[in-house]
């Protein structure tokens, strides 16, 4: 199988490449990445010398680059990780999110329609559903995004779905909860908190710190996408969650405990604009239909993540 991974120098994309290359050494992989601030070539060092892997720097909005890659490498599957992902940045300046997440996805879909037999996997987010006070979102829940980032991802999802219904493109959409693990750019809660503690700084928490997210170790996310590539039913959406609902306060307290630091390292700051209170996904569809389930212990994998940052100060 020949795969094009877009955004493969980023956190989840790079983990996915390593996971897949180790599991499927006879597959061929092309990584197309723009190398923005969060795309780090250091994430890919161990892949550079492999004969079944190649890296191309470029944008998913460039139809010629994408078309050439597909034609020259006989691509059969595209997994689209390429995205602007940080909510705070989307509030400050939303245009890059529209350009990459919506326009970029549209360009990929347009190119796919020029070739036969390509499967397209859109990597999305639980944030497209919006916030909820109780219960869980299913794949049939309405989309109700509340910030520019999640709105751009919801728009991309709708485009992907439309290309299945209108043009018969073989697509799947995966919507995952919050990822954590080694080499995540330190702007998200877990890596940023670890970095600030290691630097002797306070950990800043928005509002009362009680916003709740479901947390999944990145390797579990990778194994779920693997299942969708090989078994996903065309046109279907799959929620990927780990049933690890934690408040931001609980997350930071656990990190402080692992690093043996006092609770007074926490500092509360004014809440973020449009801050969703809680996300939670029902992952029974992917568990029942594709026989996938998360396998990593939350505490053990969080501790592994914390220690990775402690031992890799110069990673950025």
C-alpha atoms as a PDB file:
ATOM      1  CA  UNK A   1       0.000   0.000   0.000  1.00  0.00           C
ATOM      2  CA  UNK A   2       1.213   3.513  -0.850  1.00  0.00           C
ATOM      3  CA  UNK A   3       0.182   6.291   1.527  1.00  0.00           C
ATOM      4  CA  UNK A   4       0.421  10.085   1.475  1.00  0.00           C
ATOM      5  CA  UNK A   5       0.519  11.540   4.972  1.00  0.00           C
ATOM      6  CA  UNK A   6      -0.089  15.289   5.077  1.00  0.00           C
ATOM      7  CA  UNK A   7       1.172  17.128   8.140  1.00  0.00           C
ATOM      8  CA  UNK A   8       3.402  14.229   9.072  1.00  0.00           C
ATOM      9  CA  UNK A   9       6.025  16.388  10.801  1.00  0.00           C
ATOM     10  CA  UNK A  10       3.539  17.453  13.449  1.00  0.00           C
ATOM     11  CA  UNK A  11       2.844  15.764  16.753  1.00  0.00           C
ATOM     12  CA  UNK A  12       0.199  13.188  15.832  1.00  0.00           C
ATOM     13  CA  UNK A  13       1.310  12.800  12.209  1.00  0.00           C
ATOM     14  CA  UNK A  14       4.898  11.949  13.138  1.00  0.00           C
ATOM     15  CA  UNK A  15       3.775   9.406  15.724  1.00  0.00           C
ATOM     16  CA  UNK A  16       1.449   7.884  13.144  1.00  0.00           C
ATOM     17  CA  UNK A  17       4.229   7.565  10.570  1.00  0.00           C
ATOM     18  CA  UNK A  18       6.511   5.822  13.044  1.00  0.00           C
ATOM     19  CA  UNK A  19       3.704   3.522  14.159  1.00  0.00           C
ATOM     20  CA  UNK A  20       2.732   2.554  10.619  1.00  0.00           C
ATOM     21  CA  UNK A  21       6.271   2.149   9.267  1.00  0.00           C
ATOM     22  CA  UNK A  22       7.138  -0.200  12.110  1.00  0.00           C
ATOM     23  CA  UNK A  23       3.934  -2.207  11.693  1.00  0.00           C
ATOM     24  CA  UNK A  24       3.891  -2.237   7.882  1.00  0.00           C
ATOM     25  CA  UNK A  25       7.516  -2.210   6.671  1.00  0.00           C
ATOM     26  CA  UNK A  26       6.421  -3.129   3.138  1.00  0.00           C
ATOM     27  CA  UNK A  27       4.133  -0.112   2.733  1.00  0.00           C
ATOM     28  CA  UNK A  28       5.463   3.069   1.130  1.00  0.00           C
ATOM     29  CA  UNK A  29       4.989   6.452   2.794  1.00  0.00           C
ATOM     30  CA  UNK A  30       5.256  10.014   1.471  1.00  0.00           C
ATOM     31  CA  UNK A  31       5.123  12.826   4.009  1.00  0.00           C
ATOM     32  CA  UNK A  32       3.969  16.249   2.752  1.00  0.00           C
ATOM     33  CA  UNK A  33       4.414  18.976   5.354  1.00  0.00           C
ATOM     34  CA  UNK A  34       4.644  22.759   5.220  1.00  0.00           C
ATOM     35  CA  UNK A  35       6.867  22.790   8.347  1.00  0.00           C
ATOM     36  CA  UNK A  36       5.095  25.524  10.277  1.00  0.00           C
ATOM     37  CA  UNK A  37       6.074  26.389  13.856  1.00  0.00           C
ATOM     38  CA  UNK A  38       4.616  23.102  15.188  1.00  0.00           C
ATOM     39  CA  UNK A  39       6.026  20.869  12.434  1.00  0.00           C
ATOM     40  CA  UNK A  40       9.443  19.730  13.625  1.00  0.00           C
ATOM     41  CA  UNK A  41      11.916  17.861  11.435  1.00  0.00           C
ATOM     42  CA  UNK A  42      13.450  16.449  14.615  1.00  0.00           C
ATOM     43  CA  UNK A  43      10.315  14.311  14.907  1.00  0.00           C
ATOM     44  CA  UNK A  44      11.363  12.523  11.700  1.00  0.00           C
ATOM     45  CA  UNK A  45      15.094  11.936  12.204  1.00  0.00           C
ATOM     46  CA  UNK A  46      14.749   8.167  12.560  1.00  0.00           C
ATOM     47  CA  UNK A  47      12.825   7.934   9.278  1.00  0.00           C
ATOM     48  CA  UNK A  48      15.196   9.788   6.942  1.00  0.00           C
ATOM     49  CA  UNK A  49      17.258   6.778   5.847  1.00  0.00           C
ATOM     50  CA  UNK A  50      14.359   4.394   5.246  1.00  0.00           C
ATOM     51  CA  UNK A  51      13.827   3.304   1.647  1.00  0.00           C
ATOM     52  CA  UNK A  52      10.030   3.243   1.991  1.00  0.00           C
ATOM     53  CA  UNK A  53       9.785   6.807   3.331  1.00  0.00           C
ATOM     54  CA  UNK A  54      10.219  10.195   1.674  1.00  0.00           C
ATOM     55  CA  UNK A  55       9.627  13.755   2.824  1.00  0.00           C
ATOM     56  CA  UNK A  56       8.443  16.657   0.680  1.00  0.00           C
ATOM     57  CA  UNK A  57       8.111  20.180   2.008  1.00  0.00           C
ATOM     58  CA  UNK A  58       5.032  21.837   0.617  1.00  0.00           C
ATOM     59  CA  UNK A  59       1.454  22.948   1.197  1.00  0.00           C
ATOM     60  CA  UNK A  60      -1.742  20.961   0.754  1.00  0.00           C
ATOM     61  CA  UNK A  61      -3.186  23.998  -1.031  1.00  0.00           C
ATOM     62  CA  UNK A  62      -0.725  23.395  -3.896  1.00  0.00           C
ATOM     63  CA  UNK A  63      -2.631  21.132  -6.289  1.00  0.00           C
ATOM     64  CA  UNK A  64       0.382  20.508  -8.507  1.00  0.00           C
ATOM     65  CA  UNK A  65       2.528  19.181  -5.667  1.00  0.00           C
ATOM     66  CA  UNK A  66      -0.270  16.930  -4.434  1.00  0.00           C
ATOM     67  CA  UNK A  67      -1.095  15.693  -7.949  1.00  0.00           C
ATOM     68  CA  UNK A  68       2.557  14.963  -8.717  1.00  0.00           C
ATOM     69  CA  UNK A  69       2.970  13.016  -5.466  1.00  0.00           C
ATOM     70  CA  UNK A  70      -0.113  10.920  -6.148  1.00  0.00           C
ATOM     71  CA  UNK A  71       0.871  10.204  -9.744  1.00  0.00           C
ATOM     72  CA  UNK A  72       4.555   9.519  -9.167  1.00  0.00           C
ATOM     73  CA  UNK A  73       4.041   7.367  -6.079  1.00  0.00           C
ATOM     74  CA  UNK A  74       0.798   5.640  -7.099  1.00  0.00           C
ATOM     75  CA  UNK A  75      -0.827   6.800  -3.859  1.00  0.00           C
ATOM     76  CA  UNK A  76      -3.773   4.725  -2.674  1.00  0.00           C
ATOM     77  CA  UNK A  77      -4.528   6.343   0.692  1.00  0.00           C
ATOM     78  CA  UNK A  78      -4.298   9.949   1.889  1.00  0.00           C
ATOM     79  CA  UNK A  79      -4.382  10.637   5.629  1.00  0.00           C
ATOM     80  CA  UNK A  80      -4.886  14.360   6.218  1.00  0.00           C
ATOM     81  CA  UNK A  81      -3.278  15.502   9.468  1.00  0.00           C
ATOM     82  CA  UNK A  82      -2.356  18.895   8.021  1.00  0.00           C
ATOM     83  CA  UNK A  83      -4.130  21.545  10.071  1.00  0.00           C
ATOM     84  CA  UNK A  84      -3.817  24.616  12.208  1.00  0.00           C
ATOM     85  CA  UNK A  85      -4.956  23.288  15.578  1.00  0.00           C
ATOM     86  CA  UNK A  86      -4.515  25.672  18.496  1.00  0.00           C
ATOM     87  CA  UNK A  87      -7.710  27.390  19.645  1.00  0.00           C
ATOM     88  CA  UNK A  88      -5.915  30.365  21.221  1.00  0.00           C
ATOM     89  CA  UNK A  89      -4.151  31.162  17.944  1.00  0.00           C
ATOM     90  CA  UNK A  90      -7.431  30.907  16.019  1.00  0.00           C
ATOM     91  CA  UNK A  91      -8.979  33.516  18.307  1.00  0.00           C
ATOM     92  CA  UNK A  92      -6.094  35.915  17.703  1.00  0.00           C
ATOM     93  CA  UNK A  93      -5.946  35.312  13.933  1.00  0.00           C
ATOM     94  CA  UNK A  94      -8.342  32.967  12.199  1.00  0.00           C
ATOM     95  CA  UNK A  95      -7.308  33.339   8.545  1.00  0.00           C
ATOM     96  CA  UNK A  96      -4.559  30.634   8.591  1.00  0.00           C
ATOM     97  CA  UNK A  97      -7.136  28.212   9.989  1.00  0.00           C
ATOM     98  CA  UNK A  98      -9.559  28.889   7.166  1.00  0.00           C
ATOM     99  CA  UNK A  99      -6.794  28.622   4.573  1.00  0.00           C
ATOM    100  CA  UNK A 100      -5.267  25.351   5.763  1.00  0.00           C
ATOM    101  CA  UNK A 101      -8.198  23.559   7.359  1.00  0.00           C
ATOM    102  CA  UNK A 102     -10.925  24.401   4.855  1.00  0.00           C
ATOM    103  CA  UNK A 103      -9.234  25.512   1.630  1.00  0.00           C
ATOM    104  CA  UNK A 104      -6.437  22.956   2.029  1.00  0.00           C
ATOM    105  CA  UNK A 105      -8.857  20.091   2.596  1.00  0.00           C
ATOM    106  CA  UNK A 106     -10.893  21.224  -0.412  1.00  0.00           C
ATOM    107  CA  UNK A 107      -7.800  21.189  -2.620  1.00  0.00           C
ATOM    108  CA  UNK A 108      -6.939  17.655  -1.513  1.00  0.00           C
ATOM    109  CA  UNK A 109     -10.466  16.467  -2.247  1.00  0.00           C
ATOM    110  CA  UNK A 110     -10.426  18.087  -5.685  1.00  0.00           C
ATOM    111  CA  UNK A 111      -7.162  16.333  -6.555  1.00  0.00           C
ATOM    112  CA  UNK A 112      -8.466  12.995  -5.286  1.00  0.00           C
ATOM    113  CA  UNK A 113     -11.367  13.220  -7.716  1.00  0.00           C
ATOM    114  CA  UNK A 114      -8.862  13.279 -10.611  1.00  0.00           C
ATOM    115  CA  UNK A 115      -7.555   9.834  -9.681  1.00  0.00           C
ATOM    116  CA  UNK A 116      -9.293   6.510  -9.282  1.00  0.00           C
ATOM    117  CA  UNK A 117      -9.385   4.391  -6.149  1.00  0.00           C
ATOM    118  CA  UNK A 118      -7.983   6.791  -3.542  1.00  0.00           C
ATOM    119  CA  UNK A 119      -9.169   6.458   0.031  1.00  0.00           C
ATOM    120  CA  UNK A 120      -9.235   9.765   1.953  1.00  0.00           C
ATOM    121  CA  UNK A 121      -9.031   9.875   5.743  1.00  0.00           C
ATOM    122  CA  UNK A 122      -9.852  13.235   7.354  1.00  0.00           C
ATOM    123  CA  UNK A 123      -8.379  13.636  10.839  1.00  0.00           C
ATOM    124  CA  UNK A 124     -10.827  15.825  12.723  1.00  0.00           C
ATOM    125  CA  UNK A 125     -11.600  16.667  16.351  1.00  0.00           C
ATOM    126  CA  UNK A 126     -14.250  16.267  19.024  1.00  0.00           C
ATOM    127  CA  UNK A 127     -14.407  20.067  19.203  1.00  0.00           C
ATOM    128  CA  UNK A 128     -16.652  20.197  16.126  1.00  0.00           C
ATOM    129  CA  UNK A 129     -19.530  19.013  18.324  1.00  0.00           C
ATOM    130  CA  UNK A 130     -19.248  21.961  20.718  1.00  0.00           C
ATOM    131  CA  UNK A 131     -19.744  21.733  24.470  1.00  0.00           C
ATOM    132  CA  UNK A 132     -22.063  19.549  26.538  1.00  0.00           C
ATOM    133  CA  UNK A 133     -22.955  19.352  30.210  1.00  0.00           C
ATOM    134  CA  UNK A 134     -23.726  15.648  30.401  1.00  0.00           C
ATOM    135  CA  UNK A 135     -23.841  12.547  28.237  1.00  0.00           C
ATOM    136  CA  UNK A 136     -21.601  11.878  25.244  1.00  0.00           C
ATOM    137  CA  UNK A 137     -21.429  12.886  21.620  1.00  0.00           C
ATOM    138  CA  UNK A 138     -22.027  10.181  19.027  1.00  0.00           C
ATOM    139  CA  UNK A 139     -21.173  10.277  15.344  1.00  0.00           C
ATOM    140  CA  UNK A 140     -24.764  11.389  14.732  1.00  0.00           C
ATOM    141  CA  UNK A 141     -24.653  14.404  17.060  1.00  0.00           C
ATOM    142  CA  UNK A 142     -25.114  17.812  15.463  1.00  0.00           C
ATOM    143  CA  UNK A 143     -22.064  19.943  14.786  1.00  0.00           C
ATOM    144  CA  UNK A 144     -21.980  23.082  16.932  1.00  0.00           C
ATOM    145  CA  UNK A 145     -18.436  24.510  16.962  1.00  0.00           C
ATOM    146  CA  UNK A 146     -17.790  27.495  19.209  1.00  0.00           C
ATOM    147  CA  UNK A 147     -14.450  28.943  18.079  1.00  0.00           C
ATOM    148  CA  UNK A 148     -12.709  29.642  14.761  1.00  0.00           C
ATOM    149  CA  UNK A 149     -10.530  26.517  14.997  1.00  0.00           C
ATOM    150  CA  UNK A 150     -13.376  24.079  15.580  1.00  0.00           C
ATOM    151  CA  UNK A 151     -15.527  25.874  13.014  1.00  0.00           C
ATOM    152  CA  UNK A 152     -12.822  25.454  10.379  1.00  0.00           C
ATOM    153  CA  UNK A 153     -12.574  21.733  11.179  1.00  0.00           C
ATOM    154  CA  UNK A 154     -16.346  21.347  11.047  1.00  0.00           C
ATOM    155  CA  UNK A 155     -16.377  23.058   7.660  1.00  0.00           C
ATOM    156  CA  UNK A 156     -13.715  20.675   6.402  1.00  0.00           C
ATOM    157  CA  UNK A 157     -15.665  17.686   7.704  1.00  0.00           C
ATOM    158  CA  UNK A 158     -18.756  18.800   5.824  1.00  0.00           C
ATOM    159  CA  UNK A 159     -16.747  19.183   2.633  1.00  0.00           C
ATOM    160  CA  UNK A 160     -15.314  15.674   3.017  1.00  0.00           C
ATOM    161  CA  UNK A 161     -18.766  14.219   3.586  1.00  0.00           C
ATOM    162  CA  UNK A 162     -20.122  16.077   0.554  1.00  0.00           C
ATOM    163  CA  UNK A 163     -17.439  14.591  -1.710  1.00  0.00           C
ATOM    164  CA  UNK A 164     -18.557  11.130  -0.649  1.00  0.00           C
ATOM    165  CA  UNK A 165     -22.209  11.825  -1.433  1.00  0.00           C
ATOM    166  CA  UNK A 166     -21.653  13.908  -4.570  1.00  0.00           C
ATOM    167  CA  UNK A 167     -18.654  12.264  -6.230  1.00  0.00           C
ATOM    168  CA  UNK A 168     -18.514   8.836  -4.593  1.00  0.00           C
ATOM    169  CA  UNK A 169     -15.078   9.478  -3.088  1.00  0.00           C
ATOM    170  CA  UNK A 170     -14.045   6.799  -0.572  1.00  0.00           C
ATOM    171  CA  UNK A 171     -13.741   8.866   2.610  1.00  0.00           C
ATOM    172  CA  UNK A 172     -13.714   8.455   6.373  1.00  0.00           C
ATOM    173  CA  UNK A 173     -13.688  11.088   9.078  1.00  0.00           C
ATOM    174  CA  UNK A 174     -12.163  10.426  12.485  1.00  0.00           C
ATOM    175  CA  UNK A 175     -12.946  12.680  15.443  1.00  0.00           C
ATOM    176  CA  UNK A 176     -10.591  12.239  18.343  1.00  0.00           C
ATOM    177  CA  UNK A 177     -10.387  13.590  21.865  1.00  0.00           C
ATOM    178  CA  UNK A 178      -7.370  15.453  23.308  1.00  0.00           C
ATOM    179  CA  UNK A 179      -4.056  13.746  22.523  1.00  0.00           C
ATOM    180  CA  UNK A 180      -0.946  13.716  24.698  1.00  0.00           C
ATOM    181  CA  UNK A 181       2.489  12.135  24.387  1.00  0.00           C
ATOM    182  CA  UNK A 182       6.144  12.914  23.616  1.00  0.00           C
ATOM    183  CA  UNK A 183       7.207  15.697  21.202  1.00  0.00           C
ATOM    184  CA  UNK A 184       3.951  17.664  21.253  1.00  0.00           C
ATOM    185  CA  UNK A 185       4.570  21.361  20.656  1.00  0.00           C
ATOM    186  CA  UNK A 186       4.323  23.108  24.054  1.00  0.00           C
ATOM    187  CA  UNK A 187       1.258  25.232  23.499  1.00  0.00           C
ATOM    188  CA  UNK A 188      -1.327  22.616  24.492  1.00  0.00           C
ATOM    189  CA  UNK A 189      -2.171  22.069  28.188  1.00  0.00           C
ATOM    190  CA  UNK A 190      -0.015  19.043  29.006  1.00  0.00           C
ATOM    191  CA  UNK A 191       3.287  19.898  27.289  1.00  0.00           C
ATOM    192  CA  UNK A 192       2.983  23.592  28.194  1.00  0.00           C
ATOM    193  CA  UNK A 193       2.336  22.751  31.851  1.00  0.00           C
ATOM    194  CA  UNK A 194       5.287  20.348  31.949  1.00  0.00           C
ATOM    195  CA  UNK A 195       7.577  22.901  30.325  1.00  0.00           C
ATOM    196  CA  UNK A 196       6.598  25.709  32.693  1.00  0.00           C
ATOM    197  CA  UNK A 197       7.088  23.502  35.762  1.00  0.00           C
ATOM    198  CA  UNK A 198      10.498  22.355  34.530  1.00  0.00           C
ATOM    199  CA  UNK A 199      11.439  26.008  34.004  1.00  0.00           C
ATOM    200  CA  UNK A 200      10.373  26.914  37.542  1.00  0.00           C
ATOM    201  CA  UNK A 201       7.367  28.942  36.380  1.00  0.00           C
ATOM    202  CA  UNK A 202       3.723  28.922  37.425  1.00  0.00           C
ATOM    203  CA  UNK A 203       1.229  26.823  35.477  1.00  0.00           C
ATOM    204  CA  UNK A 204      -1.549  29.035  34.178  1.00  0.00           C
ATOM    205  CA  UNK A 205      -5.101  27.659  34.180  1.00  0.00           C
ATOM    206  CA  UNK A 206      -8.008  29.363  32.447  1.00  0.00           C
ATOM    207  CA  UNK A 207     -11.017  30.267  34.589  1.00  0.00           C
ATOM    208  CA  UNK A 208     -11.647  27.894  37.469  1.00  0.00           C
ATOM    209  CA  UNK A 209      -9.618  25.075  35.891  1.00  0.00           C
ATOM    210  CA  UNK A 210     -12.612  22.744  35.821  1.00  0.00           C
ATOM    211  CA  UNK A 211     -13.107  22.471  32.058  1.00  0.00           C
ATOM    212  CA  UNK A 212     -13.242  18.761  31.233  1.00  0.00           C
ATOM    213  CA  UNK A 213     -11.678  16.862  28.343  1.00  0.00           C
ATOM    214  CA  UNK A 214     -11.273  13.185  27.474  1.00  0.00           C
ATOM    215  CA  UNK A 215      -7.562  12.388  27.105  1.00  0.00           C
ATOM    216  CA  UNK A 216      -6.051   9.762  24.818  1.00  0.00           C
ATOM    217  CA  UNK A 217      -2.424   8.701  24.478  1.00  0.00           C
ATOM    218  CA  UNK A 218      -1.222   9.411  20.951  1.00  0.00           C
ATOM    219  CA  UNK A 219      -0.295   5.767  20.250  1.00  0.00           C
ATOM    220  CA  UNK A 220      -3.901   4.725  20.883  1.00  0.00           C
ATOM    221  CA  UNK A 221      -5.040   7.355  18.389  1.00  0.00           C
ATOM    222  CA  UNK A 222      -2.589   5.959  15.819  1.00  0.00           C
ATOM    223  CA  UNK A 223      -3.882   2.406  16.219  1.00  0.00           C
ATOM    224  CA  UNK A 224      -7.458   3.635  15.744  1.00  0.00           C
ATOM    225  CA  UNK A 225      -6.588   5.396  12.484  1.00  0.00           C
ATOM    226  CA  UNK A 226      -4.863   2.213  11.345  1.00  0.00           C
ATOM    227  CA  UNK A 227      -8.150   0.368  11.879  1.00  0.00           C
ATOM    228  CA  UNK A 228     -10.090   2.976   9.910  1.00  0.00           C
ATOM    229  CA  UNK A 229      -7.672   2.814   6.970  1.00  0.00           C
ATOM    230  CA  UNK A 230      -7.990  -0.945   6.662  1.00  0.00           C
ATOM    231  CA  UNK A 231     -11.569  -1.567   7.796  1.00  0.00           C
ATOM    232  CA  UNK A 232     -13.444   1.737   7.697  1.00  0.00           C
ATOM    233  CA  UNK A 233     -16.696   1.667   5.751  1.00  0.00           C
ATOM    234  CA  UNK A 234     -16.758   4.349   2.999  1.00  0.00           C
ATOM    235  CA  UNK A 235     -18.547   7.507   4.089  1.00  0.00           C
ATOM    236  CA  UNK A 236     -18.534   6.667   7.787  1.00  0.00           C
ATOM    237  CA  UNK A 237     -17.424   8.813  10.715  1.00  0.00           C
ATOM    238  CA  UNK A 238     -15.651   7.278  13.720  1.00  0.00           C
ATOM    239  CA  UNK A 239     -15.291   8.859  17.144  1.00  0.00           C
ATOM    240  CA  UNK A 240     -12.016   7.998  18.881  1.00  0.00           C
ATOM    241  CA  UNK A 241     -11.993   8.404  22.651  1.00  0.00           C
ATOM    242  CA  UNK A 242     -10.410   6.756  25.678  1.00  0.00           C
ATOM    243  CA  UNK A 243     -13.002   7.443  28.416  1.00  0.00           C
ATOM    244  CA  UNK A 244     -10.414   9.383  30.441  1.00  0.00           C
ATOM    245  CA  UNK A 245     -12.412  12.459  31.392  1.00  0.00           C
ATOM    246  CA  UNK A 246     -10.269  14.805  33.459  1.00  0.00           C
ATOM    247  CA  UNK A 247     -10.545  18.450  34.410  1.00  0.00           C
ATOM    248  CA  UNK A 248      -7.661  20.724  33.504  1.00  0.00           C
ATOM    249  CA  UNK A 249      -7.052  21.082  37.241  1.00  0.00           C
ATOM    250  CA  UNK A 250      -6.765  17.305  37.651  1.00  0.00           C
ATOM    251  CA  UNK A 251      -4.299  17.106  34.765  1.00  0.00           C
ATOM    252  CA  UNK A 252      -2.016  19.768  36.204  1.00  0.00           C
ATOM    253  CA  UNK A 253      -2.222  18.323  39.725  1.00  0.00           C
ATOM    254  CA  UNK A 254      -1.161  14.933  38.367  1.00  0.00           C
ATOM    255  CA  UNK A 255       1.786  16.449  36.500  1.00  0.00           C
ATOM    256  CA  UNK A 256       2.831  18.324  39.657  1.00  0.00           C
ATOM    257  CA  UNK A 257       2.617  15.082  41.616  1.00  0.00           C
ATOM    258  CA  UNK A 258       4.784  13.232  39.069  1.00  0.00           C
ATOM    259  CA  UNK A 259       7.396  15.992  39.231  1.00  0.00           C
ATOM    260  CA  UNK A 260       7.055  16.232  43.031  1.00  0.00           C
ATOM    261  CA  UNK A 261       6.154  19.909  42.884  1.00  0.00           C
ATOM    262  CA  UNK A 262       3.727  21.760  45.214  1.00  0.00           C
ATOM    263  CA  UNK A 263       0.158  22.700  44.351  1.00  0.00           C
ATOM    264  CA  UNK A 264       0.970  26.417  44.697  1.00  0.00           C
ATOM    265  CA  UNK A 265       2.591  26.240  41.257  1.00  0.00           C
ATOM    266  CA  UNK A 266      -0.909  26.776  39.807  1.00  0.00           C
ATOM    267  CA  UNK A 267      -2.026  30.278  38.853  1.00  0.00           C
ATOM    268  CA  UNK A 268      -5.535  31.062  37.613  1.00  0.00           C
ATOM    269  CA  UNK A 269      -5.937  33.522  34.740  1.00  0.00           C
ATOM    270  CA  UNK A 270      -9.022  35.006  32.996  1.00  0.00           C
ATOM    271  CA  UNK A 271     -10.944  32.435  31.007  1.00  0.00           C
ATOM    272  CA  UNK A 272     -10.434  32.016  27.275  1.00  0.00           C
ATOM    273  CA  UNK A 273     -13.042  33.469  24.936  1.00  0.00           C
ATOM    274  CA  UNK A 274     -15.663  30.893  23.937  1.00  0.00           C
ATOM    275  CA  UNK A 275     -14.109  28.247  26.197  1.00  0.00           C
ATOM    276  CA  UNK A 276     -16.102  25.001  25.892  1.00  0.00           C
ATOM    277  CA  UNK A 277     -16.867  23.470  29.281  1.00  0.00           C
ATOM    278  CA  UNK A 278     -16.783  19.768  28.501  1.00  0.00           C
ATOM    279  CA  UNK A 279     -16.203  17.342  25.639  1.00  0.00           C
ATOM    280  CA  UNK A 280     -16.924  13.624  25.782  1.00  0.00           C
ATOM    281  CA  UNK A 281     -17.151  11.071  22.972  1.00  0.00           C
ATOM    282  CA  UNK A 282     -19.029   7.819  22.718  1.00  0.00           C
ATOM    283  CA  UNK A 283     -16.498   5.489  21.046  1.00  0.00           C
ATOM    284  CA  UNK A 284     -18.739   2.414  20.931  1.00  0.00           C
ATOM    285  CA  UNK A 285     -19.041   2.535  17.117  1.00  0.00           C
ATOM    286  CA  UNK A 286     -15.323   2.046  16.432  1.00  0.00           C
ATOM    287  CA  UNK A 287     -15.083  -0.476  19.262  1.00  0.00           C
ATOM    288  CA  UNK A 288     -17.999  -2.580  18.027  1.00  0.00           C
ATOM    289  CA  UNK A 289     -17.585  -2.247  14.262  1.00  0.00           C
ATOM    290  CA  UNK A 290     -13.786  -2.144  13.897  1.00  0.00           C
ATOM    291  CA  UNK A 291     -12.804  -3.973  17.108  1.00  0.00           C
ATOM    292  CA  UNK A 292     -10.605  -1.151  18.383  1.00  0.00           C
ATOM    293  CA  UNK A 293     -10.086  -0.167  21.991  1.00  0.00           C
ATOM    294  CA  UNK A 294      -7.537   2.045  23.789  1.00  0.00           C
ATOM    295  CA  UNK A 295      -4.811   0.077  25.519  1.00  0.00           C
ATOM    296  CA  UNK A 296      -2.650   2.613  27.388  1.00  0.00           C
ATOM    297  CA  UNK A 297      -3.073   3.426  31.077  1.00  0.00           C
ATOM    298  CA  UNK A 298      -3.636   7.152  31.568  1.00  0.00           C
ATOM    299  CA  UNK A 299      -1.321   7.626  34.548  1.00  0.00           C
ATOM    300  CA  UNK A 300       1.489   5.457  33.179  1.00  0.00           C
ATOM    301  CA  UNK A 301       1.461   7.090  29.745  1.00  0.00           C
ATOM    302  CA  UNK A 302       1.203  10.587  31.254  1.00  0.00           C
ATOM    303  CA  UNK A 303       4.201   9.821  33.463  1.00  0.00           C
ATOM    304  CA  UNK A 304       6.070   8.543  30.406  1.00  0.00           C
ATOM    305  CA  UNK A 305       5.210  11.815  28.628  1.00  0.00           C
ATOM    306  CA  UNK A 306       6.348  13.976  31.549  1.00  0.00           C
ATOM    307  CA  UNK A 307       9.665  12.155  31.793  1.00  0.00           C
ATOM    308  CA  UNK A 308      10.235  12.494  28.046  1.00  0.00           C
ATOM    309  CA  UNK A 309      10.053  16.282  28.330  1.00  0.00           C
ATOM    310  CA  UNK A 310      12.242  16.214  31.427  1.00  0.00           C
ATOM    311  CA  UNK A 311      14.890  14.338  29.447  1.00  0.00           C
ATOM    312  CA  UNK A 312      14.560  16.322  26.188  1.00  0.00           C
ATOM    313  CA  UNK A 313      14.895  19.990  27.143  1.00  0.00           C
ATOM    314  CA  UNK A 314      16.348  20.930  23.748  1.00  0.00           C
ATOM    315  CA  UNK A 315      13.771  19.104  21.611  1.00  0.00           C
ATOM    316  CA  UNK A 316      12.144  22.288  20.234  1.00  0.00           C
END
